[in-house]
Amino acid sequence: MTDVMSRALLGPVTVAQGDPRYRDLSVRHSNARWESTPERFVLASSTEQVVAAVGEAVRAGARIAVRSSGHCYENFVNESGARVILDLSEMNAIAYDAERGAFLVEAGGLLLDVYRRLFFGWGVTIPGGSCGTVAVGGHVCGGGYGAHSRQLGLTVDYLEAVEVVVVDADGTARAVVATRDPADPHHDLWWAHTGGGGGNFGVVTRYWFRDPAAPRDADPSRLLPAPPHTVLHSQVVWPWEGMDKESYLRLVRNHGEWHERNSDPDSPYNGLYGGLVLFGREPGDEQGPAVISFAQIDGTAENSRELLQDYVDAVGEGVAAQPMVLPFSESPWMALTVKYSKLQETTGQRLKIKAAELKRAYPDEQVAVIHDWLAEPDPGRGQVTVSFQSYGGRVREVAADATAVVHRDSIFKVLYYSTWEDPALDKSALDNLRRFYSTVYASTGGVPVPGERDNGAFINFPDNDLADPAWNTSGVAWHELYYRDNYPRLQRVKAAWDPRDVFWHSLSVRPAR
């Protein structure tokens, strides 16, 4: 199967300026702020084609960048002035590889397609993200997490092997397979792709997934975890109308303290994923929601309804503002996965995201800043939200240095998100979100400096501002926020496997000197 899946199904196809296909490829990004304008795109559908394209670019001295689905939150693909963009969207095979005893997924495979194929083919899944049009190429090597990570761990906790096209010191491009086996001479390259982020060491072409506890010769239906057969879902909405500041502070405090109590690996709530979304007040009479609390839980557990109700009660405890409480809904897992995927889609919107990791809940002082900022309508900022997303649980079972993901002690991730459609709002919307985030973290130089409460940031939510001294005045380098103590090892891998620094972007790992 390994050899079969490397055969080209298309191309390579080269699309240069003037080709009618060029414009479509230029705007193939989830963020409408970006437009790629290289000399040419190369669409590859096999490892051999990727090796050839990379080698040709290196020999020509042409800067090369890579994308699989174009969902990066920063403009890593085009910011470097790449002359060649290697597009892997047509390299999207998903199959069981009997030779490796693992499931093969090529870099252009979209998450929703992966979930469908694994589930309907073998009844299994990987714990990845909710946005179904994200490809595995960058998602996995950044760590990969989603609604089932508290119950199952991170995507990379199931990564058996990765195939990477690298460039040697003499300029030769070649494909290398690096595995989880510590005895593998390429093991460090595998490790770097378990949270080091994309665009650093080479071109990821294929991944293989298997539960590390599963025997290699096990039936395919036992090689990865099964998703829950059914999922219970809750939603509670507090509108801005009737929302007082004390209720707001209490809601965020309740949500944070619940996660402080219930994020250990043996928590009975590990099957529960809860989000708290804070919305900017809209101008006009229709002010919209202030806060939405939603959660989902593995509905196959005997006491799942009781656990979900306990969570809903804990978040709303002591809150004076009156909510709209929706009845619990029950859904088959795949149907809910498709629904969430549609809700996550941002194609066609202009957006900016900033993020943080937290080991403990925000204090009231920071939540008050969030409230005051969001409570004041501002038509120049776009639609702004602050979203707290559950983390912890079985993510914490793995040591911080076992993979390149260092934030395993976080209890949730916080996303500061702004979307808008009018290009005329670019400057004001970006400035607003930057000042908002900077004000929340004013006491630590505008960024979430790792400490007792704050825990840095997640590389799959990249933010160039963290490397900009205008917005990061903490004296703590951007790579400390993303990688902490794992950064020196990533630098050594970079020096060993990309000695010519062929693959780089504004937040890429710098080679060790």
Protein backbone atom coordinates (compact mmCIF):
# COMPACT_ATOMS: atom_id res chain seq x y z
CA MET A 1 0.00 0.00 0.00
CA THR A 2 2.84 2.42 0.81
CA ASP A 3 4.22 2.22 -2.73
CA VAL A 4 0.79 2.29 -4.35
CA MET A 5 -0.25 5.47 -2.57
CA SER A 6 2.86 7.32 -3.76
CA ARG A 7 1.83 7.03 -7.42
CA ALA A 8 0.80 10.27 -9.08
CA LEU A 9 -2.87 10.71 -9.86
CA LEU A 10 -2.38 14.12 -11.47
CA GLY A 11 0.37 16.33 -12.76
CA PRO A 12 2.64 17.77 -11.76
CA VAL A 13 0.73 20.80 -13.01
CA THR A 14 2.52 24.12 -13.34
CA VAL A 15 0.33 27.23 -13.42
CA ALA A 16 2.12 30.47 -14.25
CA GLN A 17 0.90 34.05 -14.39
CA GLY A 18 -1.38 34.52 -17.40
CA ASP A 19 -2.88 31.06 -17.03
CA PRO A 20 -6.67 31.30 -16.41
CA ARG A 21 -6.24 28.99 -13.41
CA TYR A 22 -3.72 31.30 -11.75
CA ARG A 23 -6.27 33.65 -10.17
CA ASP A 24 -8.19 30.79 -8.55
CA LEU A 25 -5.00 29.48 -6.99
CA SER A 26 -4.02 32.99 -5.88
CA VAL A 27 -7.09 33.37 -3.69
CA ARG A 28 -7.14 29.80 -2.33
CA HIS A 29 -6.95 30.93 1.29
CA SER A 30 -9.46 30.77 4.14
CA ASN A 31 -8.54 34.38 4.98
CA ALA A 32 -9.65 36.85 2.29
CA ARG A 33 -6.88 39.24 3.40
CA TRP A 34 -4.34 37.03 1.67
CA GLU A 35 -3.58 36.70 -2.02
CA SER A 36 -0.62 34.72 -3.32
CA THR A 37 1.29 36.08 -6.32
CA PRO A 38 4.23 33.77 -7.09
CA GLU A 39 5.82 33.28 -10.47
CA ARG A 40 4.12 29.89 -10.61
CA PHE A 41 2.12 27.36 -8.67
CA VAL A 42 3.02 23.69 -8.81
CA LEU A 43 0.24 21.22 -8.01
CA ALA A 44 1.72 17.89 -6.98
CA SER A 45 -0.05 14.61 -6.25
CA SER A 46 2.83 12.34 -5.28
CA THR A 47 5.95 12.35 -3.15
CA GLU A 48 8.10 11.97 -6.27
CA GLN A 49 6.56 15.10 -7.77
CA VAL A 50 7.22 17.04 -4.57
CA VAL A 51 10.86 15.92 -4.54
CA ALA A 52 11.24 17.03 -8.17
CA ALA A 53 9.57 20.41 -7.60
CA VAL A 54 11.61 21.20 -4.50
CA GLY A 55 14.84 20.14 -6.17
CA GLU A 56 14.14 22.26 -9.24
CA ALA A 57 13.37 25.33 -7.12
CA VAL A 58 16.55 24.91 -5.07
CA ARG A 59 18.71 24.54 -8.16
CA ALA A 60 17.15 27.67 -9.65
CA GLY A 61 17.62 29.61 -6.42
CA ALA A 62 13.86 30.21 -6.29
CA ARG A 63 12.23 30.80 -2.91
CA ILE A 64 9.61 28.05 -2.36
CA ALA A 65 6.60 27.95 -0.02
CA VAL A 66 4.13 25.16 0.63
CA ARG A 67 0.42 24.93 1.37
CA SER A 68 -2.09 22.13 1.73
CA SER A 69 -5.44 23.89 2.27
CA GLY A 70 -4.51 27.55 2.83
CA HIS A 71 -5.90 27.84 6.38
CA CYS A 72 -2.92 29.44 8.08
CA TYR A 73 -3.93 32.42 10.25
CA GLU A 74 -0.82 34.32 9.16
CA ASN A 75 0.33 34.86 5.59
CA PHE A 76 3.26 32.45 5.82
CA VAL A 77 2.84 31.25 2.24
CA ASN A 78 3.16 34.59 0.50
CA GLU A 79 4.90 36.90 3.01
CA SER A 80 8.36 35.63 2.10
CA GLY A 81 8.14 36.63 -1.56
CA ALA A 82 8.02 33.02 -2.72
CA ARG A 83 8.58 32.55 -6.43
CA VAL A 84 7.15 29.02 -6.31
CA ILE A 85 4.16 27.85 -4.26
CA LEU A 86 3.87 24.10 -3.98
CA ASP A 87 0.18 23.22 -3.60
CA LEU A 88 -0.57 19.80 -2.08
CA SER A 89 -4.37 19.99 -2.16
CA GLU A 90 -4.51 17.21 -4.80
CA MET A 91 -2.36 14.93 -2.64
CA ASN A 92 -5.21 13.74 -0.45
CA ALA A 93 -5.29 9.93 -0.22
CA ILE A 94 -6.68 8.32 2.96
CA ALA A 95 -6.17 4.56 3.35
CA TYR A 96 -5.15 1.67 5.55
CA ASP A 97 -1.50 0.77 4.98
CA ALA A 98 -1.06 -2.90 5.83
CA GLU A 99 2.72 -2.70 5.43
CA ARG A 100 3.02 -0.21 8.31
CA GLY A 101 -0.01 -1.39 10.22
CA ALA A 102 -1.29 2.17 10.29
CA PHE A 103 -3.62 4.56 8.52
CA LEU A 104 -2.02 6.67 5.81
CA VAL A 105 -3.24 10.24 5.27
CA GLU A 106 -1.61 12.48 2.69
CA ALA A 107 -0.91 16.12 3.50
CA GLY A 108 -3.77 17.53 1.40
CA GLY A 109 -6.40 15.34 3.05
CA LEU A 110 -9.12 17.53 4.57
CA LEU A 111 -10.11 16.82 8.16
CA LEU A 112 -13.77 16.15 7.38
CA ASP A 113 -12.79 13.70 4.64
CA VAL A 114 -10.38 12.00 7.06
CA TYR A 115 -13.09 11.67 9.70
CA ARG A 116 -15.59 10.27 7.19
CA ARG A 117 -13.19 7.75 5.68
CA LEU A 118 -11.85 6.49 9.00
CA PHE A 119 -15.29 6.30 10.61
CA PHE A 120 -17.32 4.76 7.82
CA GLY A 121 -14.45 2.53 6.72
CA TRP A 122 -13.28 1.19 10.07
CA GLY A 123 -15.26 2.88 12.86
CA VAL A 124 -12.27 4.86 14.16
CA THR A 125 -11.07 8.46 14.29
CA ILE A 126 -8.25 10.79 15.27
CA PRO A 127 -8.84 13.67 17.74
CA GLY A 128 -8.40 16.62 15.39
CA GLY A 129 -9.97 20.03 14.83
CA SER A 130 -13.56 20.96 14.02
CA CYS A 131 -13.06 22.90 10.78
CA GLY A 132 -13.48 20.22 8.14
CA THR A 133 -11.80 22.15 5.30
CA VAL A 134 -8.47 22.32 7.16
CA ALA A 135 -5.95 19.89 5.70
CA VAL A 136 -3.84 17.63 7.87
CA GLY A 137 -0.56 18.95 6.43
CA GLY A 138 -0.13 21.88 8.82
CA HIS A 139 -2.74 20.89 11.39
CA VAL A 140 -0.96 17.75 12.55
CA CYS A 141 2.61 19.02 12.67
CA GLY A 142 1.43 21.92 14.84
CA GLY A 143 0.08 19.43 17.37
CA GLY A 144 -3.55 19.07 16.36
CA TYR A 145 -6.36 19.18 18.90
CA GLY A 146 -10.13 19.29 18.95
CA ALA A 147 -13.34 18.54 20.80
CA HIS A 148 -12.26 14.98 21.71
CA SER A 149 -8.76 15.81 22.94
CA ARG A 150 -9.77 15.84 26.62
CA GLN A 151 -10.98 12.27 26.14
CA LEU A 152 -8.47 10.94 23.60
CA GLY A 153 -5.41 13.23 23.63
CA LEU A 154 -3.87 15.20 20.78
CA THR A 155 -3.69 14.21 17.12
CA VAL A 156 0.08 13.77 17.38
CA ASP A 157 -0.34 11.29 20.22
CA TYR A 158 -1.39 8.85 17.47
CA LEU A 159 1.29 9.79 14.95
CA GLU A 160 3.22 6.69 13.98
CA ALA A 161 5.31 8.15 11.15
CA VAL A 162 5.71 11.13 8.86
CA GLU A 163 7.19 11.44 5.39
CA VAL A 164 9.06 14.69 4.77
CA VAL A 165 10.82 15.99 1.67
CA VAL A 166 14.03 17.59 2.94
CA VAL A 167 16.95 19.39 1.29
CA ASP A 168 20.49 18.33 2.13
CA ALA A 169 23.45 20.68 2.48
CA ASP A 170 24.44 20.04 -1.15
CA GLY A 171 20.98 21.04 -2.38
CA THR A 172 19.68 17.52 -3.00
CA ALA A 173 15.98 17.04 -2.30
CA ARG A 174 14.90 13.64 -1.00
CA ALA A 175 12.05 12.00 0.91
CA VAL A 176 12.61 10.68 4.43
CA VAL A 177 10.23 8.66 6.60
CA ALA A 178 10.68 9.39 10.31
CA THR A 179 8.95 7.25 12.94
CA ARG A 180 7.92 7.21 16.58
CA ASP A 181 10.48 4.47 17.31
CA PRO A 182 13.24 6.02 19.47
CA ALA A 183 15.75 3.72 17.76
CA ASP A 184 14.95 5.26 14.38
CA PRO A 185 17.90 7.46 13.29
CA HIS A 186 15.29 9.90 11.96
CA HIS A 187 13.33 9.98 15.23
CA ASP A 188 14.13 13.63 15.96
CA LEU A 189 12.54 14.61 12.65
CA TRP A 190 9.38 12.77 13.73
CA TRP A 191 9.45 14.55 17.08
CA ALA A 192 9.75 17.96 15.42
CA HIS A 193 6.54 17.25 13.51
CA THR A 194 4.58 16.59 16.71
CA GLY A 195 4.11 20.28 17.52
CA GLY A 196 6.96 22.16 15.86
CA GLY A 197 4.61 23.68 13.28
CA GLY A 198 4.59 23.76 9.49
CA GLY A 199 7.05 25.34 7.08
CA ASN A 200 10.11 24.62 9.23
CA PHE A 201 11.97 21.46 8.28
CA GLY A 202 10.75 20.34 4.87
CA VAL A 203 7.57 19.43 3.02
CA VAL A 204 5.27 17.00 4.80
CA THR A 205 3.75 14.68 2.22
CA ARG A 206 2.25 11.82 4.23
CA TYR A 207 1.36 10.85 7.79
CA TRP A 208 0.66 7.44 9.32
CA PHE A 209 -1.53 7.07 12.42
CA ARG A 210 -1.80 4.28 14.97
CA ASP A 211 -2.55 4.18 18.67
CA PRO A 212 0.82 3.55 20.38
CA ALA A 213 -0.87 0.89 22.52
CA ALA A 214 -2.19 -1.02 19.50
CA PRO A 215 -0.15 -3.93 18.07
CA ARG A 216 1.03 -3.33 14.55
CA ASP A 217 -0.73 -6.48 13.30
CA ALA A 218 -4.07 -5.68 14.97
CA ASP A 219 -7.26 -5.49 12.97
CA PRO A 220 -7.53 -1.98 11.43
CA SER A 221 -10.67 -1.30 13.48
CA ARG A 222 -8.50 -1.53 16.63
CA LEU A 223 -5.61 0.66 15.48
CA LEU A 224 -7.22 3.97 16.45
CA PRO A 225 -9.86 4.98 19.01
CA ALA A 226 -13.54 4.85 18.18
CA PRO A 227 -15.48 8.12 18.48
CA PRO A 228 -18.56 8.23 20.71
CA HIS A 229 -21.59 6.66 19.01
CA THR A 230 -23.75 9.52 20.15
CA VAL A 231 -23.08 13.03 21.48
CA LEU A 232 -25.13 15.12 23.91
CA HIS A 233 -24.99 18.87 23.33
CA SER A 234 -26.00 21.84 25.47
CA GLN A 235 -26.27 25.55 24.75
CA VAL A 236 -27.09 28.49 27.03
CA VAL A 237 -27.29 32.08 25.72
CA TRP A 238 -27.06 35.30 27.73
CA PRO A 239 -28.04 38.36 25.61
CA TRP A 240 -26.49 41.78 26.09
CA GLU A 241 -29.92 43.04 27.05
CA GLY A 242 -30.09 42.46 30.78
CA MET A 243 -26.39 41.54 31.12
CA ASP A 244 -24.74 43.31 34.09
CA LYS A 245 -20.99 43.41 34.65
CA GLU A 246 -21.04 41.27 37.80
CA SER A 247 -22.95 38.52 35.99
CA TYR A 248 -20.39 38.68 33.18
CA LEU A 249 -17.47 38.35 35.59
CA ARG A 250 -19.19 35.50 37.41
CA LEU A 251 -19.82 33.55 34.20
CA VAL A 252 -16.20 33.69 33.08
CA ARG A 253 -15.00 32.94 36.62
CA ASN A 254 -17.32 29.94 36.93
CA HIS A 255 -16.20 28.54 33.59
CA GLY A 256 -12.53 28.95 34.50
CA GLU A 257 -12.83 27.49 37.98
CA TRP A 258 -14.73 24.46 36.64
CA HIS A 259 -11.79 23.75 34.34
CA GLU A 260 -9.33 24.22 37.18
CA ARG A 261 -11.18 21.48 39.10
CA ASN A 262 -11.87 19.09 36.21
CA SER A 263 -8.92 18.93 33.81
CA ASP A 264 -6.80 16.11 35.26
CA PRO A 265 -6.29 12.92 33.21
CA ASP A 266 -8.56 10.88 35.49
CA SER A 267 -11.41 13.41 35.66
CA PRO A 268 -14.88 11.91 35.10
CA TYR A 269 -15.53 14.93 32.86
CA ASN A 270 -12.84 14.06 30.30
CA GLY A 271 -15.51 13.19 27.76
CA LEU A 272 -16.86 16.75 28.01
CA TYR A 273 -15.70 19.63 25.85
CA GLY A 274 -17.04 23.06 26.84
CA GLY A 275 -16.69 26.41 25.16
CA LEU A 276 -17.52 29.89 26.43
CA VAL A 277 -17.83 32.53 23.71
CA LEU A 278 -17.94 36.25 24.55
CA PHE A 279 -19.36 38.49 21.82
CA GLY A 280 -18.80 42.13 21.04
CA ARG A 281 -21.98 44.18 21.42
CA GLU A 282 -23.43 45.09 18.04
CA PRO A 283 -24.45 48.69 17.19
CA GLY A 284 -28.18 49.44 17.04
CA ASP A 285 -31.20 47.97 18.74
CA GLU A 286 -30.29 44.34 18.04
CA GLN A 287 -27.32 44.04 20.38
CA GLY A 288 -26.90 40.30 19.96
CA PRO A 289 -25.66 37.72 22.46
CA ALA A 290 -23.16 38.65 25.16
CA VAL A 291 -22.16 35.13 26.14
CA ILE A 292 -22.86 31.66 24.79
CA SER A 293 -21.92 28.59 26.81
CA PHE A 294 -21.94 25.36 24.82
CA ALA A 295 -20.75 21.87 25.61
CA GLN A 296 -20.76 18.38 24.21
CA ILE A 297 -20.18 15.09 25.96
CA ASP A 298 -19.78 11.46 25.00
CA GLY A 299 -23.40 10.36 25.16
CA THR A 300 -22.56 6.67 25.50
CA ALA A 301 -21.51 7.07 29.14
CA GLU A 302 -24.15 5.90 31.60
CA ASN A 303 -24.25 9.21 33.50
CA SER A 304 -23.50 11.55 30.59
CA ARG A 305 -26.70 13.55 30.94
CA GLU A 306 -26.06 14.08 34.65
CA LEU A 307 -22.46 15.18 34.01
CA LEU A 308 -23.55 17.59 31.31
CA GLN A 309 -26.22 19.07 33.55
CA ASP A 310 -23.66 19.48 36.36
CA TYR A 311 -21.45 21.43 33.96
CA VAL A 312 -24.29 23.68 32.78
CA ASP A 313 -25.29 24.37 36.39
CA ALA A 314 -21.70 25.11 37.44
CA VAL A 315 -21.16 27.69 34.68
CA GLY A 316 -24.43 29.48 35.45
CA GLU A 317 -24.23 29.29 39.25
CA GLY A 318 -24.92 32.62 40.97
CA VAL A 319 -25.37 34.54 37.72
CA ALA A 320 -28.15 37.12 38.05
CA ALA A 321 -28.60 37.79 34.32
CA GLN A 322 -31.34 35.67 32.79
CA PRO A 323 -30.31 33.26 30.03
CA MET A 324 -32.07 31.40 27.26
CA VAL A 325 -31.49 27.71 28.00
CA LEU A 326 -31.88 25.35 25.07
CA PRO A 327 -32.89 21.76 25.78
CA PHE A 328 -30.17 19.14 25.46
CA SER A 329 -29.91 17.70 21.97
CA GLU A 330 -28.61 14.28 21.00
CA SER A 331 -26.89 13.55 17.71
CA PRO A 332 -24.93 10.78 16.01
CA TRP A 333 -21.23 11.65 16.14
CA MET A 334 -20.65 12.06 12.41
CA ALA A 335 -23.73 14.23 11.92
CA LEU A 336 -22.58 16.60 14.67
CA THR A 337 -19.05 16.64 13.23
CA VAL A 338 -20.42 17.78 9.86
CA LYS A 339 -22.57 20.44 11.55
CA TYR A 340 -19.62 21.86 13.52
CA SER A 341 -17.48 21.85 10.40
CA LYS A 342 -19.94 24.11 8.59
CA LEU A 343 -20.08 26.50 11.55
CA GLN A 344 -16.27 26.80 11.57
CA GLU A 345 -15.87 27.71 7.91
CA THR A 346 -14.47 31.23 7.30
CA THR A 347 -13.68 31.18 3.56
CA GLY A 348 -14.40 34.58 2.04
CA GLN A 349 -14.02 36.50 5.29
CA ARG A 350 -11.20 38.79 6.32
CA LEU A 351 -9.93 37.88 9.75
CA LYS A 352 -7.30 38.18 12.43
CA ILE A 353 -6.76 35.86 15.36
CA LYS A 354 -4.74 36.18 18.54
CA ALA A 355 -4.57 33.44 21.13
CA ALA A 356 -3.28 32.38 24.52
CA GLU A 357 -2.90 29.33 26.73
CA LEU A 358 -4.07 29.40 30.35
CA LYS A 359 -3.19 27.14 33.27
CA ARG A 360 -5.61 28.96 35.56
CA ALA A 361 -8.66 31.16 35.04
CA TYR A 362 -8.31 34.85 34.29
CA PRO A 363 -8.61 37.06 37.37
CA ASP A 364 -11.61 39.40 37.50
CA GLU A 365 -9.39 42.36 36.58
CA GLN A 366 -8.61 40.91 33.15
CA VAL A 367 -12.19 39.77 32.59
CA ALA A 368 -13.32 43.32 33.38
CA VAL A 369 -11.06 44.58 30.60
CA ILE A 370 -12.64 42.09 28.20
CA HIS A 371 -16.13 43.13 29.29
CA ASP A 372 -15.48 46.85 28.92
CA TRP A 373 -13.91 46.39 25.50
CA LEU A 374 -16.67 44.15 24.11
CA ALA A 375 -19.57 46.04 25.73
CA GLU A 376 -18.86 49.19 23.74
CA PRO A 377 -20.18 48.91 20.16
CA ASP A 378 -17.63 49.80 17.49
CA PRO A 379 -18.53 49.43 13.79
CA GLY A 380 -14.87 49.78 12.83
CA ARG A 381 -13.67 46.62 14.53
CA GLY A 382 -15.65 43.95 12.67
CA GLN A 383 -17.27 41.12 14.60
CA VAL A 384 -15.12 40.38 17.64
CA THR A 385 -15.32 37.37 19.93
CA VAL A 386 -13.26 35.91 22.75
CA SER A 387 -13.59 32.13 22.89
CA PHE A 388 -12.46 29.85 25.73
CA GLN A 389 -11.96 26.27 24.51
CA SER A 390 -11.60 23.24 26.78
CA TYR A 391 -8.22 21.53 27.05
CA GLY A 392 -6.48 19.23 29.51
CA GLY A 393 -7.77 15.79 30.41
CA ARG A 394 -5.83 13.01 28.70
CA VAL A 395 -3.70 15.61 26.92
CA ARG A 396 -1.86 15.78 30.25
CA GLU A 397 -0.94 12.09 30.27
CA VAL A 398 1.95 12.73 27.88
CA ALA A 399 5.12 14.46 29.07
CA ALA A 400 5.83 17.96 27.75
CA ASP A 401 9.04 16.80 26.03
CA ALA A 402 7.66 13.53 24.60
CA THR A 403 6.31 15.56 21.68
CA ALA A 404 7.05 19.12 20.62
CA VAL A 405 3.72 20.30 22.13
CA VAL A 406 4.77 21.98 25.36
CA HIS A 407 1.45 23.37 26.66
CA ARG A 408 -0.02 20.12 27.95
CA ASP A 409 -0.57 21.67 31.39
CA SER A 410 -3.06 24.23 30.02
CA ILE A 411 -6.74 24.00 31.03
CA PHE A 412 -8.04 25.90 28.01
CA LYS A 413 -7.08 27.92 25.00
CA VAL A 414 -8.37 31.47 24.51
CA LEU A 415 -8.96 32.83 21.01
CA TYR A 416 -9.40 36.55 20.30
CA TYR A 417 -11.08 36.64 16.92
CA SER A 418 -12.13 39.40 14.56
CA THR A 419 -13.87 38.97 11.19
CA TRP A 420 -15.05 41.53 8.64
CA GLU A 421 -15.84 41.71 4.94
CA ASP A 422 -15.03 45.28 3.86
CA PRO A 423 -11.32 45.75 2.98
CA ALA A 424 -11.70 49.36 4.12
CA LEU A 425 -11.89 48.03 7.70
CA ASP A 426 -8.53 46.26 7.54
CA LYS A 427 -6.57 48.93 9.41
CA SER A 428 -9.15 49.73 12.08
CA ALA A 429 -10.13 46.10 12.73
CA LEU A 430 -6.53 44.96 13.05
CA ASP A 431 -5.61 47.88 15.28
CA ASN A 432 -8.62 47.31 17.49
CA LEU A 433 -7.89 43.62 18.09
CA ARG A 434 -4.21 44.29 18.72
CA ARG A 435 -4.93 46.99 21.27
CA PHE A 436 -7.63 44.84 22.89
CA TYR A 437 -5.28 41.88 23.40
CA SER A 438 -2.42 44.10 24.48
CA THR A 439 -4.64 45.76 27.09
CA VAL A 440 -5.76 42.41 28.51
CA TYR A 441 -2.08 41.48 28.94
CA ALA A 442 -0.85 44.95 29.90
CA SER A 443 0.76 43.70 33.12
CA THR A 444 2.99 41.23 31.21
CA GLY A 445 4.12 43.35 28.29
CA GLY A 446 1.14 42.72 26.05
CA VAL A 447 1.58 38.93 25.74
CA PRO A 448 0.77 35.79 27.82
CA VAL A 449 4.20 35.25 29.38
CA PRO A 450 4.46 31.69 30.78
CA GLY A 451 4.06 31.66 34.56
CA GLU A 452 1.66 30.42 37.21
CA ARG A 453 -1.42 31.45 35.20
CA ASP A 454 -0.46 32.30 31.62
CA ASN A 455 1.11 29.65 29.44
CA GLY A 456 2.21 31.21 26.18
CA ALA A 457 0.54 30.48 22.85
CA PHE A 458 -0.18 27.61 20.42
CA ILE A 459 1.74 27.57 17.13
CA ASN A 460 -1.34 26.47 15.14
CA PHE A 461 -2.79 29.88 16.06
CA PRO A 462 0.22 31.88 14.80
CA ASP A 463 0.38 35.60 15.48
CA ASN A 464 3.23 37.65 14.03
CA ASP A 465 2.58 40.35 16.62
CA LEU A 466 4.20 38.15 19.26
CA ALA A 467 7.50 38.67 17.45
CA ASP A 468 6.93 42.43 17.00
CA PRO A 469 8.49 44.61 19.72
CA ALA A 470 5.74 47.16 19.13
CA TRP A 471 3.21 44.65 20.53
CA ASN A 472 5.43 42.41 22.66
CA THR A 473 7.23 44.56 25.21
CA SER A 474 7.69 41.74 27.72
CA GLY A 475 11.32 40.97 26.90
CA VAL A 476 10.25 37.35 26.34
CA ALA A 477 11.00 36.06 22.84
CA TRP A 478 8.17 34.79 20.62
CA HIS A 479 9.65 31.27 20.54
CA GLU A 480 9.52 31.11 24.34
CA LEU A 481 5.78 31.73 24.13
CA TYR A 482 5.24 29.00 21.53
CA TYR A 483 7.84 26.37 22.45
CA ARG A 484 9.39 27.14 25.84
CA ASP A 485 12.07 24.54 26.71
CA ASN A 486 11.50 22.54 23.52
CA TYR A 487 12.90 25.30 21.29
CA PRO A 488 16.62 24.36 21.47
CA ARG A 489 15.84 20.81 20.35
CA LEU A 490 13.73 22.15 17.48
CA GLN A 491 16.66 24.35 16.48
CA ARG A 492 18.97 21.33 16.38
CA VAL A 493 16.50 19.45 14.20
CA LYS A 494 16.29 22.48 11.92
CA ALA A 495 20.07 22.65 11.58
CA ALA A 496 20.31 18.92 10.87
CA TRP A 497 17.48 18.58 8.37
CA ASP A 498 17.27 21.99 6.70
CA PRO A 499 20.91 23.17 6.78
CA ARG A 500 20.35 25.61 3.89
CA ASP A 501 17.28 27.15 5.61
CA VAL A 502 15.17 26.52 2.53
CA PHE A 503 11.94 26.46 4.50
CA TRP A 504 11.18 29.53 6.56
CA HIS A 505 8.57 32.16 7.42
CA SER A 506 8.19 34.94 9.98
CA LEU A 507 7.67 32.53 12.91
CA SER A 508 9.76 29.61 11.70
CA VAL A 509 12.29 27.85 13.90
CA ARG A 510 15.70 29.48 13.51
CA PRO A 511 18.64 27.09 12.93
CA ALA A 512 20.94 26.50 15.90
CA ARG A 513 24.20 28.32 15.43
